[in-house]
Amino acid sequence: MASKSDRSKSSGGFPYGEVWGIALIGIYLVLLVSFVSYNPGDDPFFDTDAGSTSGNYTGKLGAMLARVFFFTIGLSAYIVAVFGII
């Protein structure tokens, strides 16, 4: 029979594991939404107008993230976001 300390180690694991899991799923969902709403004409890197808005649903940050992912790994970025959620 397992002692009390053995049971707490095996079932407890990393503290706040559920919180980290939910946070990571949320981050990957935001990333997926930024990929879906990505518009190549919406280039936030070279935008000089301070008052301009982004056409991306997640704003300028999402447009930047989507552009970096699509530029570096292409359409495989969708796989990264989907596997991150799963």
N, C-alpha and C. Protein backbone atom coordinates (compact mmCIF):
# COMPACT_ATOMS: atom_id res chain seq x y z
N MET A 1 0.84 -1.18 0.00
CA MET A 1 0.00 0.00 0.00
C MET A 1 0.88 1.24 0.00
N ALA A 2 0.53 2.20 -0.80
CA ALA A 2 1.32 3.42 -0.92
C ALA A 2 1.09 4.31 0.28
N SER A 3 2.16 4.92 0.71
CA SER A 3 2.02 5.83 1.83
C SER A 3 1.39 7.13 1.35
N LYS A 4 1.05 7.98 2.31
CA LYS A 4 0.39 9.24 1.97
C LYS A 4 1.29 10.13 1.11
N SER A 5 2.58 10.16 1.40
CA SER A 5 3.48 11.02 0.63
C SER A 5 3.64 10.51 -0.80
N ASP A 6 3.61 9.17 -1.01
CA ASP A 6 3.70 8.62 -2.36
C ASP A 6 2.47 8.98 -3.18
N ARG A 7 1.29 8.93 -2.56
CA ARG A 7 0.07 9.27 -3.29
C ARG A 7 0.03 10.74 -3.66
N SER A 8 0.50 11.61 -2.80
CA SER A 8 0.46 13.04 -3.12
C SER A 8 1.43 13.39 -4.24
N LYS A 9 2.56 12.68 -4.29
CA LYS A 9 3.51 12.95 -5.37
C LYS A 9 2.98 12.47 -6.71
N SER A 10 2.34 11.32 -6.74
CA SER A 10 1.89 10.77 -8.01
C SER A 10 0.65 11.48 -8.55
N SER A 11 -0.23 11.92 -7.68
CA SER A 11 -1.45 12.56 -8.17
C SER A 11 -1.31 14.07 -8.26
N GLY A 12 -0.45 14.66 -7.45
CA GLY A 12 -0.31 16.11 -7.43
C GLY A 12 0.46 16.64 -8.61
N GLY A 13 1.64 16.09 -8.84
CA GLY A 13 2.45 16.54 -9.95
C GLY A 13 2.88 17.99 -9.80
N PHE A 14 2.92 18.68 -10.91
CA PHE A 14 3.32 20.08 -10.94
C PHE A 14 2.21 20.93 -10.34
N PRO A 15 2.53 21.78 -9.37
CA PRO A 15 1.48 22.61 -8.79
C PRO A 15 0.92 23.59 -9.82
N TYR A 16 -0.35 23.79 -9.75
CA TYR A 16 -1.07 24.68 -10.67
C TYR A 16 -1.00 24.19 -12.12
N GLY A 17 -0.91 22.89 -12.31
CA GLY A 17 -0.84 22.32 -13.65
C GLY A 17 -2.08 22.62 -14.47
N GLU A 18 -3.24 22.59 -13.84
CA GLU A 18 -4.48 22.87 -14.57
C GLU A 18 -4.53 24.31 -15.03
N VAL A 19 -4.03 25.21 -14.21
CA VAL A 19 -4.03 26.63 -14.56
C VAL A 19 -3.11 26.86 -15.77
N TRP A 20 -1.94 26.23 -15.75
CA TRP A 20 -1.02 26.36 -16.88
C TRP A 20 -1.63 25.77 -18.14
N GLY A 21 -2.31 24.65 -18.00
CA GLY A 21 -2.94 24.02 -19.16
C GLY A 21 -4.01 24.90 -19.79
N ILE A 22 -4.85 25.47 -18.96
CA ILE A 22 -5.91 26.35 -19.46
C ILE A 22 -5.31 27.61 -20.09
N ALA A 23 -4.26 28.15 -19.48
CA ALA A 23 -3.60 29.34 -20.04
C ALA A 23 -2.98 29.03 -21.41
N LEU A 24 -2.34 27.89 -21.53
CA LEU A 24 -1.73 27.53 -22.82
C LEU A 24 -2.77 27.28 -23.89
N ILE A 25 -3.87 26.65 -23.52
CA ILE A 25 -4.96 26.44 -24.49
C ILE A 25 -5.50 27.79 -24.95
N GLY A 26 -5.65 28.73 -24.03
CA GLY A 26 -6.11 30.07 -24.39
C GLY A 26 -5.15 30.78 -25.33
N ILE A 27 -3.86 30.65 -25.07
CA ILE A 27 -2.86 31.27 -25.94
C ILE A 27 -2.91 30.68 -27.33
N TYR A 28 -3.04 29.34 -27.41
CA TYR A 28 -3.10 28.70 -28.73
C TYR A 28 -4.40 29.04 -29.46
N LEU A 29 -5.49 29.23 -28.73
CA LEU A 29 -6.73 29.64 -29.38
C LEU A 29 -6.61 31.05 -29.97
N VAL A 30 -6.00 31.95 -29.22
CA VAL A 30 -5.78 33.31 -29.74
C VAL A 30 -4.87 33.27 -30.95
N LEU A 31 -3.85 32.41 -30.90
CA LEU A 31 -2.95 32.26 -32.04
C LEU A 31 -3.69 31.72 -33.25
N LEU A 32 -4.57 30.75 -33.05
CA LEU A 32 -5.35 30.19 -34.15
C LEU A 32 -6.28 31.24 -34.75
N VAL A 33 -6.91 32.05 -33.91
CA VAL A 33 -7.78 33.12 -34.42
C VAL A 33 -6.97 34.14 -35.20
N SER A 34 -5.76 34.44 -34.74
CA SER A 34 -4.94 35.39 -35.49
C SER A 34 -4.51 34.81 -36.83
N PHE A 35 -4.32 33.48 -36.91
CA PHE A 35 -3.97 32.85 -38.19
C PHE A 35 -5.17 32.88 -39.15
N VAL A 36 -6.34 32.59 -38.63
CA VAL A 36 -7.53 32.54 -39.48
C VAL A 36 -7.87 33.92 -40.03
N SER A 37 -7.68 34.95 -39.23
CA SER A 37 -8.05 36.30 -39.68
C SER A 37 -6.86 37.06 -40.29
N TYR A 38 -5.80 36.35 -40.61
CA TYR A 38 -4.61 36.99 -41.19
C TYR A 38 -4.88 37.49 -42.60
N ASN A 39 -4.42 38.69 -42.88
CA ASN A 39 -4.52 39.29 -44.20
C ASN A 39 -3.11 39.74 -44.60
N PRO A 40 -2.56 39.21 -45.69
CA PRO A 40 -1.20 39.61 -46.07
C PRO A 40 -1.04 41.11 -46.33
N GLY A 41 -2.10 41.79 -46.71
CA GLY A 41 -2.02 43.22 -46.94
C GLY A 41 -1.98 44.03 -45.66
N ASP A 42 -2.28 43.40 -44.55
CA ASP A 42 -2.30 44.06 -43.26
C ASP A 42 -0.92 43.87 -42.62
N ASP A 43 0.01 44.76 -42.94
CA ASP A 43 1.38 44.60 -42.49
C ASP A 43 1.68 45.54 -41.33
N PRO A 44 1.68 45.06 -40.10
CA PRO A 44 1.89 45.95 -38.96
C PRO A 44 3.35 46.37 -38.77
N PHE A 45 4.30 45.69 -39.40
CA PHE A 45 5.70 46.04 -39.21
C PHE A 45 6.06 47.36 -39.86
N PHE A 46 5.45 47.64 -40.99
CA PHE A 46 5.79 48.85 -41.73
C PHE A 46 4.68 49.89 -41.69
N ASP A 47 3.83 49.80 -40.70
CA ASP A 47 2.72 50.74 -40.54
C ASP A 47 3.23 51.98 -39.82
N THR A 48 3.17 53.13 -40.48
CA THR A 48 3.67 54.36 -39.86
C THR A 48 2.56 55.19 -39.24
N ASP A 49 1.31 54.87 -39.51
CA ASP A 49 0.19 55.63 -38.97
C ASP A 49 -0.13 55.13 -37.57
N ALA A 50 0.00 55.98 -36.58
CA ALA A 50 -0.21 55.57 -35.18
C ALA A 50 -1.67 55.26 -34.89
N GLY A 51 -2.59 55.85 -35.61
CA GLY A 51 -4.00 55.65 -35.34
C GLY A 51 -4.65 54.55 -36.16
N SER A 52 -3.86 53.86 -36.97
CA SER A 52 -4.44 52.84 -37.85
C SER A 52 -4.82 51.59 -37.05
N THR A 53 -5.83 50.90 -37.55
CA THR A 53 -6.26 49.67 -36.90
C THR A 53 -5.93 48.49 -37.79
N SER A 54 -5.85 47.36 -37.18
CA SER A 54 -5.53 46.14 -37.91
C SER A 54 -6.83 45.43 -38.29
N GLY A 55 -6.80 44.74 -39.43
CA GLY A 55 -7.95 43.96 -39.84
C GLY A 55 -8.00 42.60 -39.17
N ASN A 56 -6.97 42.28 -38.41
CA ASN A 56 -6.92 41.01 -37.70
C ASN A 56 -7.81 41.08 -36.47
N TYR A 57 -8.50 39.97 -36.18
CA TYR A 57 -9.41 39.95 -35.03
C TYR A 57 -8.69 40.09 -33.70
N THR A 58 -7.41 39.77 -33.67
CA THR A 58 -6.66 39.87 -32.42
C THR A 58 -5.80 41.12 -32.36
N GLY A 59 -6.01 42.04 -33.28
CA GLY A 59 -5.32 43.33 -33.25
C GLY A 59 -3.96 43.28 -33.89
N LYS A 60 -3.18 44.32 -33.61
CA LYS A 60 -1.85 44.43 -34.22
C LYS A 60 -0.92 43.34 -33.73
N LEU A 61 -1.01 42.98 -32.47
CA LEU A 61 -0.15 41.92 -31.95
C LEU A 61 -0.44 40.60 -32.65
N GLY A 62 -1.71 40.28 -32.85
CA GLY A 62 -2.06 39.05 -33.55
C GLY A 62 -1.62 39.07 -35.00
N ALA A 63 -1.71 40.24 -35.64
CA ALA A 63 -1.25 40.36 -37.01
C ALA A 63 0.26 40.17 -37.10
N MET A 64 0.98 40.70 -36.12
CA MET A 64 2.43 40.51 -36.10
C MET A 64 2.79 39.04 -35.87
N LEU A 65 2.13 38.41 -34.91
CA LEU A 65 2.42 37.00 -34.64
C LEU A 65 2.11 36.13 -35.85
N ALA A 66 0.97 36.38 -36.48
CA ALA A 66 0.60 35.59 -37.66
C ALA A 66 1.61 35.80 -38.77
N ARG A 67 2.04 37.03 -38.97
CA ARG A 67 3.01 37.30 -40.03
C ARG A 67 4.34 36.59 -39.77
N VAL A 68 4.79 36.63 -38.52
CA VAL A 68 6.06 35.97 -38.19
C VAL A 68 5.94 34.46 -38.39
N PHE A 69 4.85 33.87 -37.91
CA PHE A 69 4.67 32.43 -38.07
C PHE A 69 4.55 32.04 -39.53
N PHE A 70 3.76 32.76 -40.30
CA PHE A 70 3.59 32.42 -41.71
C PHE A 70 4.88 32.66 -42.49
N PHE A 71 5.66 33.67 -42.11
CA PHE A 71 6.92 33.94 -42.80
C PHE A 71 7.96 32.87 -42.49
N THR A 72 7.98 32.40 -41.24
CA THR A 72 9.01 31.44 -40.85
C THR A 72 8.67 30.00 -41.22
N ILE A 73 7.44 29.55 -40.91
CA ILE A 73 7.11 28.14 -41.16
C ILE A 73 5.95 27.94 -42.12
N GLY A 74 5.42 29.01 -42.65
CA GLY A 74 4.37 28.89 -43.68
C GLY A 74 3.05 28.38 -43.13
N LEU A 75 2.35 27.63 -43.95
CA LEU A 75 1.03 27.14 -43.55
C LEU A 75 1.10 26.09 -42.44
N SER A 76 2.29 25.63 -42.12
CA SER A 76 2.45 24.71 -40.98
C SER A 76 2.12 25.40 -39.66
N ALA A 77 1.99 26.70 -39.68
CA ALA A 77 1.62 27.43 -38.47
C ALA A 77 0.26 26.97 -37.96
N TYR A 78 -0.63 26.60 -38.88
CA TYR A 78 -1.92 26.07 -38.44
C TYR A 78 -1.75 24.79 -37.64
N ILE A 79 -0.81 23.95 -38.06
CA ILE A 79 -0.56 22.71 -37.34
C ILE A 79 -0.05 22.99 -35.93
N VAL A 80 0.82 23.97 -35.80
CA VAL A 80 1.34 24.34 -34.48
C VAL A 80 0.20 24.75 -33.56
N ALA A 81 -0.70 25.58 -34.05
CA ALA A 81 -1.81 26.06 -33.22
C ALA A 81 -2.77 24.93 -32.88
N VAL A 82 -3.10 24.07 -33.85
CA VAL A 82 -4.06 22.99 -33.60
C VAL A 82 -3.47 21.96 -32.65
N PHE A 83 -2.21 21.57 -32.85
CA PHE A 83 -1.60 20.60 -31.93
C PHE A 83 -1.38 21.20 -30.55
N GLY A 84 -1.19 22.49 -30.47
CA GLY A 84 -1.07 23.14 -29.17
C GLY A 84 -2.36 23.08 -28.38
N ILE A 85 -3.48 23.16 -29.08
CA ILE A 85 -4.79 23.07 -28.41
C ILE A 85 -5.08 21.65 -27.97
N ILE A 86 -4.69 20.70 -28.83
CA ILE A 86 -4.95 19.28 -28.50
C ILE A 86 -4.02 18.86 -27.40
